[in-house]
Protein backbone atom coordinates (compact mmCIF):
# COMPACT_ATOMS: atom_id res chain seq x y z
CA MET A 1 78.89 -62.20 135.81
CA GLY A 2 81.24 -65.09 136.51
CA TRP A 3 82.70 -66.30 139.81
CA TYR A 4 85.18 -63.69 141.03
CA GLY A 5 86.79 -62.76 144.39
CA TYR A 6 89.07 -60.47 146.19
CA ARG A 7 91.98 -61.47 148.49
CA ASP A 8 90.14 -59.96 151.50
CA GLY A 9 87.12 -62.65 150.74
CA SER A 10 84.44 -60.52 149.46
CA GLY A 11 83.32 -61.53 145.83
CA ASN A 12 81.18 -64.27 145.08
CA SER A 13 83.47 -67.03 144.56
CA GLY A 14 84.07 -67.89 148.31
CA LYS A 15 87.75 -68.17 147.37
CA THR A 16 87.31 -71.60 145.53
CA THR A 17 86.49 -72.82 142.06
CA HIS A 18 83.10 -73.80 141.23
CA PRO A 19 81.49 -76.74 139.28
CA VAL A 20 81.11 -75.99 135.15
CA CYS A 21 78.02 -73.82 134.18
CA GLY A 22 77.14 -72.84 137.75
CA LYS A 23 76.13 -69.62 136.32
CA ALA A 24 73.90 -68.73 133.72
CA ARG A 25 74.90 -69.18 130.13
CA ASN A 26 75.78 -66.32 128.00
CA GLY A 27 73.86 -65.21 124.64
CA PHE A 28 75.79 -67.99 122.93
CA GLY A 29 74.47 -70.53 125.03
CA LEU A 30 78.19 -70.95 126.55
CA CYS A 31 79.48 -71.31 130.44
CA ASP A 32 81.89 -69.78 131.98
CA MET A 33 83.57 -67.56 129.41
CA SER A 34 84.84 -65.22 132.47
CA GLY A 35 85.40 -65.94 135.82
CA ASN A 36 85.96 -69.14 137.87
CA VAL A 37 89.58 -69.95 136.42
CA TRP A 38 91.62 -68.17 134.13
CA GLU A 39 91.68 -69.66 130.35
CA TRP A 40 95.21 -70.53 129.34
CA THR A 41 95.25 -70.01 125.52
CA ALA A 42 97.55 -71.33 122.61
CA ASP A 43 98.15 -67.58 121.51
CA TRP A 44 101.29 -66.14 121.85
CA TYR A 45 101.32 -62.68 123.91
CA GLY A 46 102.23 -59.72 121.48
CA ASP A 47 100.54 -56.47 120.06
CA TYR A 48 97.34 -56.71 117.88
CA ALA A 49 97.45 -54.94 114.42
CA SER A 50 96.32 -51.70 114.97
CA THR A 51 93.41 -52.00 112.48
CA ALA A 52 89.73 -53.65 113.61
CA GLN A 53 90.26 -57.47 113.75
CA THR A 54 88.01 -60.40 114.27
CA ASP A 55 89.41 -63.12 116.54
CA PRO A 56 93.06 -61.67 116.20
CA ARG A 57 95.85 -64.16 116.70
CA GLY A 58 98.95 -62.22 117.66
CA PRO A 59 102.31 -63.36 116.79
CA ALA A 60 103.30 -66.67 115.36
CA SER A 61 105.87 -66.79 118.19
CA GLY A 62 106.76 -65.46 121.28
CA SER A 63 108.04 -66.30 125.04
CA GLY A 64 104.59 -65.85 126.52
CA ARG A 65 101.18 -67.32 126.37
CA VAL A 66 98.05 -65.68 126.59
CA TYR A 67 95.66 -66.03 129.68
CA ARG A 68 92.38 -64.29 129.81
CA GLY A 69 88.95 -63.98 131.55
CA GLY A 70 89.50 -63.86 135.37
CA GLY A 71 89.35 -65.92 138.12
CA TRP A 72 87.90 -66.97 141.29
CA LEU A 73 90.69 -65.23 143.08
CA ASP A 74 90.84 -62.11 141.07
CA ASP A 75 88.99 -58.71 141.06
CA ALA A 76 85.29 -58.67 139.07
CA ARG A 77 87.42 -56.07 136.58
CA PHE A 78 89.33 -58.77 135.07
CA ALA A 79 86.41 -61.16 134.72
CA ARG A 80 85.68 -60.60 130.85
CA VAL A 81 87.44 -62.30 127.73
CA ALA A 82 88.74 -58.87 126.74
CA PHE A 83 91.36 -58.67 129.56
CA ARG A 84 94.26 -60.72 128.49
CA TYR A 85 97.81 -61.04 130.34
CA TRP A 86 100.93 -63.65 129.77
CA ILE A 87 102.75 -66.36 131.14
CA PHE A 88 105.76 -68.30 130.54
CA PRO A 89 104.40 -71.92 129.06
CA ILE A 90 107.00 -73.81 131.20
CA ASN A 91 104.81 -72.21 134.72
CA ARG A 92 101.85 -73.89 135.90
CA TYR A 93 99.12 -72.25 138.26
CA TYR A 94 96.28 -73.15 140.23
CA ILE A 95 94.15 -70.30 139.20
CA LEU A 96 94.70 -71.35 135.35
CA GLY A 97 92.49 -73.65 133.13
CA PHE A 98 92.23 -74.45 129.53
CA ARG A 99 89.11 -75.03 127.21
CA LEU A 100 88.69 -77.79 124.92
CA VAL A 101 87.36 -76.72 121.65
CA ARG A 102 85.95 -78.94 118.76
CA SER A 103 84.87 -77.61 115.42
CA VAL A 104 81.08 -78.37 114.41
CA PRO A 105 81.10 -80.91 111.71
């Protein structure tokens, strides 16, 4: 389980962010895929197709960008990559972060 918290101060985050990989790596060897800070993605928010998909991207355009994965100030139920919500790209929040990604050569 990643870092999460509740507004009443309970949870495991202590109501603050934590250094990268402060929790155990997942089965793919990745750190912080849930919890700590919400991940702000490049995907536009919208409905997915009703058929099963791998790595769905959502619509080609829109007004809100997806963020997912939960954060240090939010309930544990949000600390999972399957939970997503949206934000207008012009807004910035201290609970959001992003992940740099590189293709394997």
